């Protein structure tokens, strides 16, 4: 290895470590904050605890409300992922495989959803959810999240599906395979990387969503974990140590989900080749 090559690699690794520190340092401070008193947090938030107090983590783990919030978030996030993958993949398959009048215009119209932030539609969304009788139900969160996630999902799915070899569909079509059967039997099994990629994006976005559940959920039994976090915030005092412990425990499922699908993410974003 030449000296120039060594220094290029060193500079690349150093830059990546610097970027990673901006993500890992706050996460580490959050996890350590659950072991500290409020006085320690105010004095030095990034230092190790003077004494490792596990009472805050233990009180949250033994609280039935914590598991209820976690279960609600898991149910909503998984349902959102399933609906987004099914609808998004089916729509993208149509745009990628079937040519019809107005397909480009319709595809561009669907991509307009990427231009508008979620908060801009929160008021008409609340009115529509109320009018159809879904207020304070899981569907009041699942359906809007699915609708707003379809633009990105269709874009990624269509790009991936277009890179699948046309010869594969032509051979299946000659054997009497229909579009629907080809979608279920061939397209989806070959699209594991992009399914995992879109699934991770949708899951993490749904898991961390605060604004929509805040607006459409009123019953504490239906609260997701971001809403459950508000129980540690009083009118005059905020229990930051319990808050940080709560956040640490609730982001673990999202991190685990990400690592489980990590090997597919890069392939889903950059690849479309089919191994044969």
C-alpha atoms as a PDB file:
ATOM      1  CA  UNK A   1       0.000   0.000   0.000  1.00  0.00           C
ATOM      2  CA  UNK A   2       1.427   3.365  -1.060  1.00  0.00           C
ATOM      3  CA  UNK A   3       1.745   6.244   1.338  1.00  0.00           C
ATOM      4  CA  UNK A   4      -0.782   8.334  -0.635  1.00  0.00           C
ATOM      5  CA  UNK A   5      -3.299   5.496  -0.569  1.00  0.00           C
ATOM      6  CA  UNK A   6      -2.798   5.092   3.174  1.00  0.00           C
ATOM      7  CA  UNK A   7      -3.445   8.768   3.879  1.00  0.00           C
ATOM      8  CA  UNK A   8      -6.541   8.772   1.659  1.00  0.00           C
ATOM      9  CA  UNK A   9      -7.969   5.854   3.605  1.00  0.00           C
ATOM     10  CA  UNK A  10      -7.012   7.491   6.880  1.00  0.00           C
ATOM     11  CA  UNK A  11      -8.734  10.754   5.899  1.00  0.00           C
ATOM     12  CA  UNK A  12     -11.846   8.833   4.758  1.00  0.00           C
ATOM     13  CA  UNK A  13     -12.088   6.835   7.968  1.00  0.00           C
ATOM     14  CA  UNK A  14     -11.468   9.938  10.097  1.00  0.00           C
ATOM     15  CA  UNK A  15     -14.227  11.829   8.300  1.00  0.00           C
ATOM     16  CA  UNK A  16     -16.678   8.936   8.709  1.00  0.00           C
ATOM     17  CA  UNK A  17     -15.832   8.662  12.413  1.00  0.00           C
ATOM     18  CA  UNK A  18     -16.434  12.397  12.815  1.00  0.00           C
ATOM     19  CA  UNK A  19     -19.822  12.161  11.125  1.00  0.00           C
ATOM     20  CA  UNK A  20     -20.742   9.093  13.197  1.00  0.00           C
ATOM     21  CA  UNK A  21     -19.840  10.929  16.399  1.00  0.00           C
ATOM     22  CA  UNK A  22     -22.583  13.478  15.750  1.00  0.00           C
ATOM     23  CA  UNK A  23     -25.092  10.610  15.913  1.00  0.00           C
ATOM     24  CA  UNK A  24     -23.488   8.358  18.515  1.00  0.00           C
ATOM     25  CA  UNK A  25     -22.592  11.078  21.041  1.00  0.00           C
ATOM     26  CA  UNK A  26     -26.207  12.215  21.655  1.00  0.00           C
ATOM     27  CA  UNK A  27     -27.357   8.576  21.793  1.00  0.00           C
ATOM     28  CA  UNK A  28     -24.659   7.758  24.331  1.00  0.00           C
ATOM     29  CA  UNK A  29     -25.548  10.823  26.402  1.00  0.00           C
ATOM     30  CA  UNK A  30     -29.206   9.772  26.311  1.00  0.00           C
ATOM     31  CA  UNK A  31     -28.434   6.260  27.510  1.00  0.00           C
ATOM     32  CA  UNK A  32     -26.120   7.513  30.288  1.00  0.00           C
ATOM     33  CA  UNK A  33     -28.623  10.173  31.324  1.00  0.00           C
ATOM     34  CA  UNK A  34     -31.005   7.481  32.486  1.00  0.00           C
ATOM     35  CA  UNK A  35     -28.525   6.547  35.211  1.00  0.00           C
ATOM     36  CA  UNK A  36     -27.961  10.096  36.499  1.00  0.00           C
ATOM     37  CA  UNK A  37     -29.751  12.500  38.790  1.00  0.00           C
ATOM     38  CA  UNK A  38     -31.117  15.764  37.412  1.00  0.00           C
ATOM     39  CA  UNK A  39     -28.273  17.627  39.123  1.00  0.00           C
ATOM     40  CA  UNK A  40     -25.678  15.512  37.315  1.00  0.00           C
ATOM     41  CA  UNK A  41     -27.429  16.080  34.009  1.00  0.00           C
ATOM     42  CA  UNK A  42     -27.296  19.846  34.444  1.00  0.00           C
ATOM     43  CA  UNK A  43     -23.611  19.829  35.428  1.00  0.00           C
ATOM     44  CA  UNK A  44     -22.212  17.445  32.814  1.00  0.00           C
ATOM     45  CA  UNK A  45     -24.537  15.632  30.475  1.00  0.00           C
ATOM     46  CA  UNK A  46     -21.818  13.690  28.619  1.00  0.00           C
ATOM     47  CA  UNK A  47     -19.780  12.415  31.588  1.00  0.00           C
ATOM     48  CA  UNK A  48     -20.117   8.980  33.124  1.00  0.00           C
ATOM     49  CA  UNK A  49     -22.517   8.793  36.096  1.00  0.00           C
ATOM     50  CA  UNK A  50     -20.990   9.190  39.529  1.00  0.00           C
ATOM     51  CA  UNK A  51     -23.141   6.265  40.664  1.00  0.00           C
ATOM     52  CA  UNK A  52     -25.005   3.972  38.282  1.00  0.00           C
ATOM     53  CA  UNK A  53     -28.574   4.350  39.479  1.00  0.00           C
ATOM     54  CA  UNK A  54     -30.736   1.744  37.727  1.00  0.00           C
ATOM     55  CA  UNK A  55     -33.928   2.772  39.513  1.00  0.00           C
ATOM     56  CA  UNK A  56     -35.168   4.904  36.610  1.00  0.00           C
ATOM     57  CA  UNK A  57     -34.771   2.132  34.050  1.00  0.00           C
ATOM     58  CA  UNK A  58     -36.284  -0.416  36.440  1.00  0.00           C
ATOM     59  CA  UNK A  59     -39.324   1.751  37.183  1.00  0.00           C
ATOM     60  CA  UNK A  60     -40.034   2.165  33.483  1.00  0.00           C
ATOM     61  CA  UNK A  61     -39.585  -1.508  32.619  1.00  0.00           C
ATOM     62  CA  UNK A  62     -41.942  -2.555  35.420  1.00  0.00           C
ATOM     63  CA  UNK A  63     -44.555   0.029  34.424  1.00  0.00           C
ATOM     64  CA  UNK A  64     -47.429  -1.573  32.447  1.00  0.00           C
ATOM     65  CA  UNK A  65     -48.012   1.738  30.704  1.00  0.00           C
ATOM     66  CA  UNK A  66     -44.580   1.542  29.071  1.00  0.00           C
ATOM     67  CA  UNK A  67     -45.349  -1.814  27.482  1.00  0.00           C
ATOM     68  CA  UNK A  68     -48.773  -0.588  26.394  1.00  0.00           C
ATOM     69  CA  UNK A  69     -47.229   2.430  24.636  1.00  0.00           C
ATOM     70  CA  UNK A  70     -44.583   0.198  23.088  1.00  0.00           C
ATOM     71  CA  UNK A  71     -47.203  -2.295  21.908  1.00  0.00           C
ATOM     72  CA  UNK A  72     -49.322   0.464  20.360  1.00  0.00           C
ATOM     73  CA  UNK A  73     -46.319   1.872  18.512  1.00  0.00           C
ATOM     74  CA  UNK A  74     -45.313  -1.585  17.308  1.00  0.00           C
ATOM     75  CA  UNK A  75     -48.817  -2.376  16.062  1.00  0.00           C
ATOM     76  CA  UNK A  76     -49.147   0.931  14.230  1.00  0.00           C
ATOM     77  CA  UNK A  77     -45.652   0.800  12.739  1.00  0.00           C
ATOM     78  CA  UNK A  78     -45.889  -2.799  11.535  1.00  0.00           C
ATOM     79  CA  UNK A  79     -49.339  -2.216  10.018  1.00  0.00           C
ATOM     80  CA  UNK A  80     -48.053   0.931   8.287  1.00  0.00           C
ATOM     81  CA  UNK A  81     -45.077  -0.970   6.878  1.00  0.00           C
ATOM     82  CA  UNK A  82     -47.233  -3.822   5.564  1.00  0.00           C
ATOM     83  CA  UNK A  83     -49.762  -1.516   3.899  1.00  0.00           C
ATOM     84  CA  UNK A  84     -47.071   0.716   2.420  1.00  0.00           C
ATOM     85  CA  UNK A  85     -45.139  -2.223   0.997  1.00  0.00           C
ATOM     86  CA  UNK A  86     -48.217  -3.860  -0.521  1.00  0.00           C
ATOM     87  CA  UNK A  87     -49.773  -0.747  -2.028  1.00  0.00           C
ATOM     88  CA  UNK A  88     -46.491   0.896  -2.998  1.00  0.00           C
ATOM     89  CA  UNK A  89     -45.061  -2.219  -4.634  1.00  0.00           C
ATOM     90  CA  UNK A  90     -48.277  -2.918  -6.547  1.00  0.00           C
ATOM     91  CA  UNK A  91     -48.517   0.669  -7.813  1.00  0.00           C
ATOM     92  CA  UNK A  92     -44.842   0.802  -8.762  1.00  0.00           C
ATOM     93  CA  UNK A  93     -45.160  -2.547 -10.573  1.00  0.00           C
ATOM     94  CA  UNK A  94     -47.918  -1.088 -12.731  1.00  0.00           C
ATOM     95  CA  UNK A  95     -45.816   1.968 -13.608  1.00  0.00           C
ATOM     96  CA  UNK A  96     -42.759  -0.173 -14.357  1.00  0.00           C
ATOM     97  CA  UNK A  97     -44.356  -2.991 -16.377  1.00  0.00           C
ATOM     98  CA  UNK A  98     -47.545  -1.611 -17.943  1.00  0.00           C
ATOM     99  CA  UNK A  99     -47.566   1.269 -20.398  1.00  0.00           C
ATOM    100  CA  UNK A 100     -50.839   3.208 -20.506  1.00  0.00           C
ATOM    101  CA  UNK A 101     -51.995   6.701 -21.426  1.00  0.00           C
ATOM    102  CA  UNK A 102     -51.179   9.260 -18.742  1.00  0.00           C
ATOM    103  CA  UNK A 103     -48.842   7.004 -16.764  1.00  0.00           C
ATOM    104  CA  UNK A 104     -46.040   9.569 -16.638  1.00  0.00           C
ATOM    105  CA  UNK A 105     -48.402  12.348 -15.591  1.00  0.00           C
ATOM    106  CA  UNK A 106     -49.971  10.167 -12.890  1.00  0.00           C
ATOM    107  CA  UNK A 107     -46.547   9.091 -11.634  1.00  0.00           C
ATOM    108  CA  UNK A 108     -45.399  12.715 -11.443  1.00  0.00           C
ATOM    109  CA  UNK A 109     -48.580  13.617  -9.585  1.00  0.00           C
ATOM    110  CA  UNK A 110     -47.894  10.912  -6.988  1.00  0.00           C
ATOM    111  CA  UNK A 111     -44.358  12.210  -6.527  1.00  0.00           C
ATOM    112  CA  UNK A 112     -45.728  15.627  -5.558  1.00  0.00           C
ATOM    113  CA  UNK A 113     -46.212  14.140  -2.111  1.00  0.00           C
ATOM    114  CA  UNK A 114     -42.447  14.386  -1.600  1.00  0.00           C
ATOM    115  CA  UNK A 115     -42.620  18.180  -1.826  1.00  0.00           C
ATOM    116  CA  UNK A 116     -45.003  18.803   1.055  1.00  0.00           C
ATOM    117  CA  UNK A 117     -44.153  18.227   4.715  1.00  0.00           C
ATOM    118  CA  UNK A 118     -46.522  16.188   6.825  1.00  0.00           C
ATOM    119  CA  UNK A 119     -47.430  19.129   9.073  1.00  0.00           C
ATOM    120  CA  UNK A 120     -48.963  21.139   6.213  1.00  0.00           C
ATOM    121  CA  UNK A 121     -51.886  18.707   5.954  1.00  0.00           C
ATOM    122  CA  UNK A 122     -52.497  18.107   9.632  1.00  0.00           C
ATOM    123  CA  UNK A 123     -55.634  20.279   9.898  1.00  0.00           C
ATOM    124  CA  UNK A 124     -57.551  18.928   6.854  1.00  0.00           C
ATOM    125  CA  UNK A 125     -56.323  15.463   7.822  1.00  0.00           C
ATOM    126  CA  UNK A 126     -57.817  15.804  11.289  1.00  0.00           C
ATOM    127  CA  UNK A 127     -61.133  16.973   9.839  1.00  0.00           C
ATOM    128  CA  UNK A 128     -61.276  14.079   7.377  1.00  0.00           C
ATOM    129  CA  UNK A 129     -60.391  11.496  10.047  1.00  0.00           C
ATOM    130  CA  UNK A 130     -63.072  12.937  12.317  1.00  0.00           C
ATOM    131  CA  UNK A 131     -65.705  12.950   9.558  1.00  0.00           C
ATOM    132  CA  UNK A 132     -65.215   9.283   8.675  1.00  0.00           C
ATOM    133  CA  UNK A 133     -65.319   8.226  12.317  1.00  0.00           C
ATOM    134  CA  UNK A 134     -61.722   7.024  12.774  1.00  0.00           C
ATOM    135  CA  UNK A 135     -60.746   9.522  15.452  1.00  0.00           C
ATOM    136  CA  UNK A 136     -58.999   7.951  18.457  1.00  0.00           C
ATOM    137  CA  UNK A 137     -58.362   4.646  16.668  1.00  0.00           C
ATOM    138  CA  UNK A 138     -55.211   3.002  15.343  1.00  0.00           C
ATOM    139  CA  UNK A 139     -56.427   3.458  11.775  1.00  0.00           C
ATOM    140  CA  UNK A 140     -56.391   7.232  12.273  1.00  0.00           C
ATOM    141  CA  UNK A 141     -52.599   6.955  12.424  1.00  0.00           C
ATOM    142  CA  UNK A 142     -51.961   3.984  10.132  1.00  0.00           C
ATOM    143  CA  UNK A 143     -53.837   5.170   7.036  1.00  0.00           C
ATOM    144  CA  UNK A 144     -52.408   8.740   6.877  1.00  0.00           C
ATOM    145  CA  UNK A 145     -48.888   7.465   7.504  1.00  0.00           C
ATOM    146  CA  UNK A 146     -49.333   4.959   4.689  1.00  0.00           C
ATOM    147  CA  UNK A 147     -50.636   7.636   2.343  1.00  0.00           C
ATOM    148  CA  UNK A 148     -47.747  10.001   3.032  1.00  0.00           C
ATOM    149  CA  UNK A 149     -45.186   7.211   2.711  1.00  0.00           C
ATOM    150  CA  UNK A 150     -46.377   6.017  -0.687  1.00  0.00           C
ATOM    151  CA  UNK A 151     -44.592   8.698  -2.732  1.00  0.00           C
ATOM    152  CA  UNK A 152     -41.112   7.647  -1.672  1.00  0.00           C
ATOM    153  CA  UNK A 153     -42.054   3.966  -1.704  1.00  0.00           C
ATOM    154  CA  UNK A 154     -43.376   4.082  -5.272  1.00  0.00           C
ATOM    155  CA  UNK A 155     -40.315   6.007  -6.447  1.00  0.00           C
ATOM    156  CA  UNK A 156     -37.885   3.468  -4.981  1.00  0.00           C
ATOM    157  CA  UNK A 157     -39.928   0.440  -6.045  1.00  0.00           C
ATOM    158  CA  UNK A 158     -40.363   1.656  -9.626  1.00  0.00           C
ATOM    159  CA  UNK A 159     -36.634   2.328 -10.020  1.00  0.00           C
ATOM    160  CA  UNK A 160     -35.861  -1.178  -8.781  1.00  0.00           C
ATOM    161  CA  UNK A 161     -38.544  -2.933 -10.826  1.00  0.00           C
ATOM    162  CA  UNK A 162     -37.421  -1.246 -14.051  1.00  0.00           C
ATOM    163  CA  UNK A 163     -33.982  -2.828 -13.620  1.00  0.00           C
ATOM    164  CA  UNK A 164     -35.372  -6.344 -13.509  1.00  0.00           C
ATOM    165  CA  UNK A 165     -34.591  -8.169 -16.783  1.00  0.00           C
ATOM    166  CA  UNK A 166     -37.410  -7.932 -19.303  1.00  0.00           C
ATOM    167  CA  UNK A 167     -36.544 -11.410 -20.573  1.00  0.00           C
ATOM    168  CA  UNK A 168     -37.741 -12.885 -17.283  1.00  0.00           C
ATOM    169  CA  UNK A 169     -41.247 -11.493 -17.727  1.00  0.00           C
ATOM    170  CA  UNK A 170     -41.360 -12.405 -21.422  1.00  0.00           C
ATOM    171  CA  UNK A 171     -40.467 -16.013 -20.643  1.00  0.00           C
ATOM    172  CA  UNK A 172     -43.091 -16.157 -17.875  1.00  0.00           C
ATOM    173  CA  UNK A 173     -45.691 -14.549 -20.155  1.00  0.00           C
ATOM    174  CA  UNK A 174     -45.084 -17.181 -22.842  1.00  0.00           C
ATOM    175  CA  UNK A 175     -45.725 -19.855 -20.214  1.00  0.00           C
ATOM    176  CA  UNK A 176     -49.122 -18.303 -19.476  1.00  0.00           C
ATOM    177  CA  UNK A 177     -48.148 -16.260 -16.418  1.00  0.00           C
ATOM    178  CA  UNK A 178     -50.331 -13.182 -15.892  1.00  0.00           C
ATOM    179  CA  UNK A 179     -49.178  -9.790 -14.600  1.00  0.00           C
ATOM    180  CA  UNK A 180     -50.643 -10.428 -11.146  1.00  0.00           C
ATOM    181  CA  UNK A 181     -49.128 -13.891 -10.831  1.00  0.00           C
ATOM    182  CA  UNK A 182     -45.750 -12.648 -12.044  1.00  0.00           C
ATOM    183  CA  UNK A 183     -45.879  -9.897  -9.409  1.00  0.00           C
ATOM    184  CA  UNK A 184     -46.487 -12.339  -6.545  1.00  0.00           C
ATOM    185  CA  UNK A 185     -44.368 -15.264  -7.760  1.00  0.00           C
ATOM    186  CA  UNK A 186     -41.334 -13.490  -9.227  1.00  0.00           C
ATOM    187  CA  UNK A 187     -41.192  -9.743  -8.690  1.00  0.00           C
ATOM    188  CA  UNK A 188     -41.658  -9.653  -4.913  1.00  0.00           C
ATOM    189  CA  UNK A 189     -39.298 -12.581  -4.144  1.00  0.00           C
ATOM    190  CA  UNK A 190     -36.593 -10.901  -6.247  1.00  0.00           C
ATOM    191  CA  UNK A 191     -37.165  -7.541  -4.534  1.00  0.00           C
ATOM    192  CA  UNK A 192     -36.076  -8.407  -0.996  1.00  0.00           C
ATOM    193  CA  UNK A 193     -33.445  -5.610  -0.841  1.00  0.00           C
ATOM    194  CA  UNK A 194     -35.823  -2.820  -1.824  1.00  0.00           C
ATOM    195  CA  UNK A 195     -38.610  -4.236   0.360  1.00  0.00           C
ATOM    196  CA  UNK A 196     -36.278  -4.123   3.352  1.00  0.00           C
ATOM    197  CA  UNK A 197     -35.070  -0.628   2.461  1.00  0.00           C
ATOM    198  CA  UNK A 198     -38.543   0.855   2.175  1.00  0.00           C
ATOM    199  CA  UNK A 199     -39.677  -1.091   5.222  1.00  0.00           C
ATOM    200  CA  UNK A 200     -36.910   0.366   7.390  1.00  0.00           C
ATOM    201  CA  UNK A 201     -37.632   3.924   6.257  1.00  0.00           C
ATOM    202  CA  UNK A 202     -41.365   3.567   6.868  1.00  0.00           C
ATOM    203  CA  UNK A 203     -40.952   1.794  10.199  1.00  0.00           C
ATOM    204  CA  UNK A 204     -38.553   4.354  11.659  1.00  0.00           C
ATOM    205  CA  UNK A 205     -40.677   7.264  10.449  1.00  0.00           C
ATOM    206  CA  UNK A 206     -43.828   5.734  11.907  1.00  0.00           C
ATOM    207  CA  UNK A 207     -42.102   4.734  15.149  1.00  0.00           C
ATOM    208  CA  UNK A 208     -40.923   8.301  15.793  1.00  0.00           C
ATOM    209  CA  UNK A 209     -44.077  10.083  14.622  1.00  0.00           C
ATOM    210  CA  UNK A 210     -45.326  12.482  17.270  1.00  0.00           C
ATOM    211  CA  UNK A 211     -47.536  15.080  15.590  1.00  0.00           C
ATOM    212  CA  UNK A 212     -50.161  12.834  14.006  1.00  0.00           C
ATOM    213  CA  UNK A 213     -50.836  10.641  17.103  1.00  0.00           C
ATOM    214  CA  UNK A 214     -50.953  13.811  19.199  1.00  0.00           C
ATOM    215  CA  UNK A 215     -53.732  15.215  17.020  1.00  0.00           C
ATOM    216  CA  UNK A 216     -55.876  12.139  16.359  1.00  0.00           C
ATOM    217  CA  UNK A 217     -55.470  10.092  19.567  1.00  0.00           C
ATOM    218  CA  UNK A 218     -57.233  11.138  22.776  1.00  0.00           C
ATOM    219  CA  UNK A 219     -57.373   7.944  24.826  1.00  0.00           C
ATOM    220  CA  UNK A 220     -54.277   7.139  26.877  1.00  0.00           C
ATOM    221  CA  UNK A 221     -54.810   3.442  26.116  1.00  0.00           C
ATOM    222  CA  UNK A 222     -54.125   4.173  22.437  1.00  0.00           C
ATOM    223  CA  UNK A 223     -51.079   6.419  22.991  1.00  0.00           C
ATOM    224  CA  UNK A 224     -47.841   5.637  21.196  1.00  0.00           C
ATOM    225  CA  UNK A 225     -44.490   5.921  22.945  1.00  0.00           C
ATOM    226  CA  UNK A 226     -43.815   9.572  21.898  1.00  0.00           C
ATOM    227  CA  UNK A 227     -47.087  10.543  23.560  1.00  0.00           C
ATOM    228  CA  UNK A 228     -46.313   8.399  26.603  1.00  0.00           C
ATOM    229  CA  UNK A 229     -43.120  10.399  26.972  1.00  0.00           C
ATOM    230  CA  UNK A 230     -45.172  13.443  27.982  1.00  0.00           C
ATOM    231  CA  UNK A 231     -46.078  11.866  31.329  1.00  0.00           C
ATOM    232  CA  UNK A 232     -42.643  12.854  32.655  1.00  0.00           C
ATOM    233  CA  UNK A 233     -43.148  16.505  31.843  1.00  0.00           C
ATOM    234  CA  UNK A 234     -44.995  18.497  34.507  1.00  0.00           C
ATOM    235  CA  UNK A 235     -46.065  22.122  34.647  1.00  0.00           C
ATOM    236  CA  UNK A 236     -42.996  23.205  36.617  1.00  0.00           C
ATOM    237  CA  UNK A 237     -40.601  20.232  36.674  1.00  0.00           C
ATOM    238  CA  UNK A 238     -39.411  17.808  33.978  1.00  0.00           C
ATOM    239  CA  UNK A 239     -37.956  14.465  35.037  1.00  0.00           C
ATOM    240  CA  UNK A 240     -35.139  14.435  32.511  1.00  0.00           C
ATOM    241  CA  UNK A 241     -33.490  11.281  33.844  1.00  0.00           C
ATOM    242  CA  UNK A 242     -36.688   9.260  33.510  1.00  0.00           C
ATOM    243  CA  UNK A 243     -37.324  10.869  30.128  1.00  0.00           C
ATOM    244  CA  UNK A 244     -33.897   9.839  28.833  1.00  0.00           C
ATOM    245  CA  UNK A 245     -34.304   6.325  30.227  1.00  0.00           C
ATOM    246  CA  UNK A 246     -37.708   6.086  28.542  1.00  0.00           C
ATOM    247  CA  UNK A 247     -36.278   7.291  25.202  1.00  0.00           C
ATOM    248  CA  UNK A 248     -33.367   4.854  25.397  1.00  0.00           C
ATOM    249  CA  UNK A 249     -35.648   1.873  25.946  1.00  0.00           C
ATOM    250  CA  UNK A 250     -38.093   2.880  23.224  1.00  0.00           C
ATOM    251  CA  UNK A 251     -35.550   3.447  20.450  1.00  0.00           C
ATOM    252  CA  UNK A 252     -34.087  -0.036  20.905  1.00  0.00           C
ATOM    253  CA  UNK A 253     -36.767  -1.746  18.712  1.00  0.00           C
ATOM    254  CA  UNK A 254     -36.116   0.724  15.871  1.00  0.00           C
ATOM    255  CA  UNK A 255     -32.353   0.143  16.129  1.00  0.00           C
ATOM    256  CA  UNK A 256     -32.843  -3.621  16.183  1.00  0.00           C
ATOM    257  CA  UNK A 257     -35.127  -3.432  13.146  1.00  0.00           C
ATOM    258  CA  UNK A 258     -32.519  -1.362  11.312  1.00  0.00           C
ATOM    259  CA  UNK A 259     -29.658  -3.765  12.026  1.00  0.00           C
ATOM    260  CA  UNK A 260     -31.791  -6.750  11.047  1.00  0.00           C
ATOM    261  CA  UNK A 261     -32.331  -5.259   7.572  1.00  0.00           C
ATOM    262  CA  UNK A 262     -29.017  -3.414   7.288  1.00  0.00           C
ATOM    263  CA  UNK A 263     -27.437  -5.737   4.733  1.00  0.00           C
ATOM    264  CA  UNK A 264     -30.330  -5.150   2.332  1.00  0.00           C
ATOM    265  CA  UNK A 265     -30.438  -1.359   2.523  1.00  0.00           C
ATOM    266  CA  UNK A 266     -27.422  -0.528   0.340  1.00  0.00           C
ATOM    267  CA  UNK A 267     -28.403  -3.192  -2.167  1.00  0.00           C
ATOM    268  CA  UNK A 268     -31.935  -1.852  -2.284  1.00  0.00           C
ATOM    269  CA  UNK A 269     -30.840   1.729  -2.890  1.00  0.00           C
ATOM    270  CA  UNK A 270     -28.068   1.076  -5.401  1.00  0.00           C
ATOM    271  CA  UNK A 271     -28.784  -2.233  -7.032  1.00  0.00           C
ATOM    272  CA  UNK A 272     -31.339  -3.838  -9.214  1.00  0.00           C
ATOM    273  CA  UNK A 273     -29.448  -6.715 -10.707  1.00  0.00           C
ATOM    274  CA  UNK A 274     -30.844 -10.196 -10.540  1.00  0.00           C
ATOM    275  CA  UNK A 275     -28.531 -13.050  -9.789  1.00  0.00           C
ATOM    276  CA  UNK A 276     -29.093 -15.889 -12.145  1.00  0.00           C
END
